[in-house]
Every structure is written in C-alpha cells, then in structure tokens.
Amino acid sequence: MIMLSYRLGCYKDDYCRKHLQTIRYLLDQGKVAAGVFLIVNASNPRNLLEIIPANQFVFPYYRSHDFIVFGMARGRDSAIEMTGRILLDVCTPEGVFRLDEVR
C-alpha cells in the first residue's frame, strides 16, 4: 500500500489545485493520474527532492515505500519550476535547505 504524506502547505499548480481530490483519489486507489508529477523527498540521502511522474506509483517499488509530497504539478516543466521555487523558499541565508519548514 502506497503511503503518501502531504505537507500542510503542499505546493500545487492551478490544475492540481482544481483537481486535487481526484488526483489524491486516483493515487490512493493505485490508478494512473496521467500528466501529474509529484515532488517528493528523495530516496537518495545525497539529494533533497525527486520529481516522479504520478503514474509510477502504480508499480510495486513505489507502492512499498513512504513518500512525503512537497508539491504536485501538471507537466514536467511545471514540476521543475515548482521544485526551484520550493528550494528557494526553504534555503536559509547560510545556504542550508530546511525542507522541514515547508508548510
């Protein structure tokens, strides 16, 4: 069973904001949410975030891991732009990234 935890202030583009309930329902049911990309915590500790197409979550590997969703966007380009925004928002003046501060 997939375990997606959504941050309280999960970033969403206009499409995902409008269709949030449908997208979450599809993901929870293990169905394809075509064209949607999730920005999640990275599985590699040397990285901060990963951009994963939501349709990947139907595969057993992803269904057996827990993920924290920091953002969701329709389209890869929108997801890349949103990831940059998230990182800029959580970067301290000292250059430390505080992902725990995403609200």
C-alpha atoms as a PDB file:
ATOM      1  CA  MET A   1       0.000   0.000   0.000  1.00  0.00           C
ATOM      2  CA  ILE A   2       1.368   3.360  -1.001  1.00  0.00           C
ATOM      3  CA  MET A   3       1.906   5.833   1.788  1.00  0.00           C
ATOM      4  CA  LEU A   4       1.863   9.424   0.634  1.00  0.00           C
ATOM      5  CA  SER A   5       2.012  12.107   3.295  1.00  0.00           C
ATOM      6  CA  TYR A   6       1.144  15.563   2.039  1.00  0.00           C
ATOM      7  CA  ARG A   7       2.852  18.563   3.635  1.00  0.00           C
ATOM      8  CA  LEU A   8       0.352  21.050   5.018  1.00  0.00           C
ATOM      9  CA  GLY A   9       1.370  23.720   2.520  1.00  0.00           C
ATOM     10  CA  CYS A  10       1.936  21.316  -0.363  1.00  0.00           C
ATOM     11  CA  TYR A  11       2.722  23.371  -3.474  1.00  0.00           C
ATOM     12  CA  LYS A  12       0.203  22.908  -6.282  1.00  0.00           C
ATOM     13  CA  ASP A  13      -0.170  24.456  -9.686  1.00  0.00           C
ATOM     14  CA  ASP A  14      -3.584  25.651 -10.896  1.00  0.00           C
ATOM     15  CA  TYR A  15      -4.517  22.326 -12.483  1.00  0.00           C
ATOM     16  CA  CYS A  16      -3.643  20.273  -9.390  1.00  0.00           C
ATOM     17  CA  ARG A  17      -5.361  22.738  -7.084  1.00  0.00           C
ATOM     18  CA  LYS A  18      -8.550  22.415  -9.147  1.00  0.00           C
ATOM     19  CA  HIS A  19      -8.404  18.603  -9.393  1.00  0.00           C
ATOM     20  CA  LEU A  20      -6.779  17.823  -6.038  1.00  0.00           C
ATOM     21  CA  GLN A  21      -9.445  15.437  -4.738  1.00  0.00           C
ATOM     22  CA  THR A  22      -9.499  13.442  -7.973  1.00  0.00           C
ATOM     23  CA  ILE A  23      -5.701  13.192  -8.119  1.00  0.00           C
ATOM     24  CA  ARG A  24      -5.456  12.055  -4.494  1.00  0.00           C
ATOM     25  CA  TYR A  25      -8.261   9.536  -5.020  1.00  0.00           C
ATOM     26  CA  LEU A  26      -6.517   8.070  -8.073  1.00  0.00           C
ATOM     27  CA  LEU A  27      -3.209   7.799  -6.225  1.00  0.00           C
ATOM     28  CA  ASP A  28      -4.832   6.221  -3.164  1.00  0.00           C
ATOM     29  CA  GLN A  29      -6.600   3.661  -5.384  1.00  0.00           C
ATOM     30  CA  GLY A  30      -3.388   2.777  -7.227  1.00  0.00           C
ATOM     31  CA  LYS A  31      -4.638   4.174 -10.517  1.00  0.00           C
ATOM     32  CA  VAL A  32      -2.890   6.335 -13.083  1.00  0.00           C
ATOM     33  CA  ALA A  33      -3.038  10.119 -12.677  1.00  0.00           C
ATOM     34  CA  ALA A  34      -1.779  10.938 -16.180  1.00  0.00           C
ATOM     35  CA  GLY A  35       0.342  14.022 -16.675  1.00  0.00           C
ATOM     36  CA  VAL A  36       0.751  14.763 -12.954  1.00  0.00           C
ATOM     37  CA  PHE A  37       4.197  14.891 -11.365  1.00  0.00           C
ATOM     38  CA  LEU A  38       4.838  14.682  -7.617  1.00  0.00           C
ATOM     39  CA  ILE A  39       7.732  16.423  -5.895  1.00  0.00           C
ATOM     40  CA  VAL A  40       8.714  14.128  -3.037  1.00  0.00           C
ATOM     41  CA  ASN A  41      11.505  13.528  -0.573  1.00  0.00           C
ATOM     42  CA  ALA A  42      14.482  11.917  -2.292  1.00  0.00           C
ATOM     43  CA  SER A  43      15.219   8.243  -1.748  1.00  0.00           C
ATOM     44  CA  ASN A  44      18.940   9.014  -2.112  1.00  0.00           C
ATOM     45  CA  PRO A  45      20.155  10.851   1.026  1.00  0.00           C
ATOM     46  CA  ARG A  46      22.543  12.955  -1.097  1.00  0.00           C
ATOM     47  CA  ASN A  47      19.587  14.580  -2.884  1.00  0.00           C
ATOM     48  CA  LEU A  48      16.881  16.854  -1.492  1.00  0.00           C
ATOM     49  CA  LEU A  49      13.875  16.210  -3.713  1.00  0.00           C
ATOM     50  CA  GLU A  50      12.755  13.983  -6.562  1.00  0.00           C
ATOM     51  CA  ILE A  51      10.273  14.622  -9.335  1.00  0.00           C
ATOM     52  CA  ILE A  52       8.310  11.456 -10.015  1.00  0.00           C
ATOM     53  CA  PRO A  53       5.503  11.024 -12.548  1.00  0.00           C
ATOM     54  CA  ALA A  54       2.372  10.104 -10.599  1.00  0.00           C
ATOM     55  CA  ASN A  55       1.731   7.150 -12.897  1.00  0.00           C
ATOM     56  CA  GLN A  56       4.883   5.489 -11.487  1.00  0.00           C
ATOM     57  CA  PHE A  57       3.087   4.945  -8.191  1.00  0.00           C
ATOM     58  CA  VAL A  58       1.148   2.015  -9.677  1.00  0.00           C
ATOM     59  CA  PHE A  59       4.352  -0.081  -9.683  1.00  0.00           C
ATOM     60  CA  PRO A  60       5.267  -2.300  -6.703  1.00  0.00           C
ATOM     61  CA  TYR A  61       8.537  -0.499  -5.905  1.00  0.00           C
ATOM     62  CA  TYR A  62       6.817   2.815  -5.279  1.00  0.00           C
ATOM     63  CA  ARG A  63       3.854   1.189  -3.528  1.00  0.00           C
ATOM     64  CA  SER A  64       6.183  -0.309  -0.907  1.00  0.00           C
ATOM     65  CA  HIS A  65       7.815   2.984   0.148  1.00  0.00           C
ATOM     66  CA  ASP A  66       6.661   6.019   2.092  1.00  0.00           C
ATOM     67  CA  PHE A  67       6.894   9.443   0.477  1.00  0.00           C
ATOM     68  CA  ILE A  68       6.375  12.984   1.674  1.00  0.00           C
ATOM     69  CA  VAL A  69       4.756  15.078  -1.060  1.00  0.00           C
ATOM     70  CA  PHE A  70       6.067  18.651  -1.156  1.00  0.00           C
ATOM     71  CA  GLY A  71       4.384  19.590  -4.415  1.00  0.00           C
ATOM     72  CA  MET A  72       2.344  18.421  -7.370  1.00  0.00           C
ATOM     73  CA  ALA A  73       2.199  19.829 -10.858  1.00  0.00           C
ATOM     74  CA  ARG A  74       0.796  19.005 -14.246  1.00  0.00           C
ATOM     75  CA  GLY A  75       3.669  18.512 -16.645  1.00  0.00           C
ATOM     76  CA  ARG A  76       7.375  18.039 -16.144  1.00  0.00           C
ATOM     77  CA  ASP A  77       8.301  21.649 -16.905  1.00  0.00           C
ATOM     78  CA  SER A  78       5.866  22.934 -14.297  1.00  0.00           C
ATOM     79  CA  ALA A  79       7.258  20.426 -11.770  1.00  0.00           C
ATOM     80  CA  ILE A  80      10.837  21.549 -12.423  1.00  0.00           C
ATOM     81  CA  GLU A  81       9.871  25.191 -11.978  1.00  0.00           C
ATOM     82  CA  MET A  82       7.978  24.366  -8.781  1.00  0.00           C
ATOM     83  CA  THR A  83      10.949  22.430  -7.383  1.00  0.00           C
ATOM     84  CA  GLY A  84      13.114  25.513  -7.849  1.00  0.00           C
ATOM     85  CA  ARG A  85      10.522  27.631  -6.046  1.00  0.00           C
ATOM     86  CA  ILE A  86      10.382  25.160  -3.145  1.00  0.00           C
ATOM     87  CA  LEU A  87      14.163  25.150  -2.809  1.00  0.00           C
ATOM     88  CA  LEU A  88      14.351  28.944  -2.903  1.00  0.00           C
ATOM     89  CA  ASP A  89      11.648  29.173  -0.226  1.00  0.00           C
ATOM     90  CA  VAL A  90      13.420  26.787   2.164  1.00  0.00           C
ATOM     91  CA  CYS A  91      17.000  27.997   1.672  1.00  0.00           C
ATOM     92  CA  THR A  92      18.414  29.951   4.611  1.00  0.00           C
ATOM     93  CA  PRO A  93      20.839  32.874   4.109  1.00  0.00           C
ATOM     94  CA  GLU A  94      23.640  30.485   5.118  1.00  0.00           C
ATOM     95  CA  GLY A  95      22.757  28.185   2.208  1.00  0.00           C
ATOM     96  CA  VAL A  96      21.121  25.455   4.284  1.00  0.00           C
ATOM     97  CA  PHE A  97      17.960  23.860   2.922  1.00  0.00           C
ATOM     98  CA  ARG A  98      15.286  23.372   5.603  1.00  0.00           C
ATOM     99  CA  LEU A  99      12.673  21.130   3.997  1.00  0.00           C
ATOM    100  CA  ASP A 100      11.064  20.630   7.406  1.00  0.00           C
ATOM    101  CA  GLU A 101       9.969  24.283   7.157  1.00  0.00           C
ATOM    102  CA  VAL A 102       7.703  23.672   4.159  1.00  0.00           C
ATOM    103  CA  ARG A 103       4.225  24.420   5.436  1.00  0.00           C
END
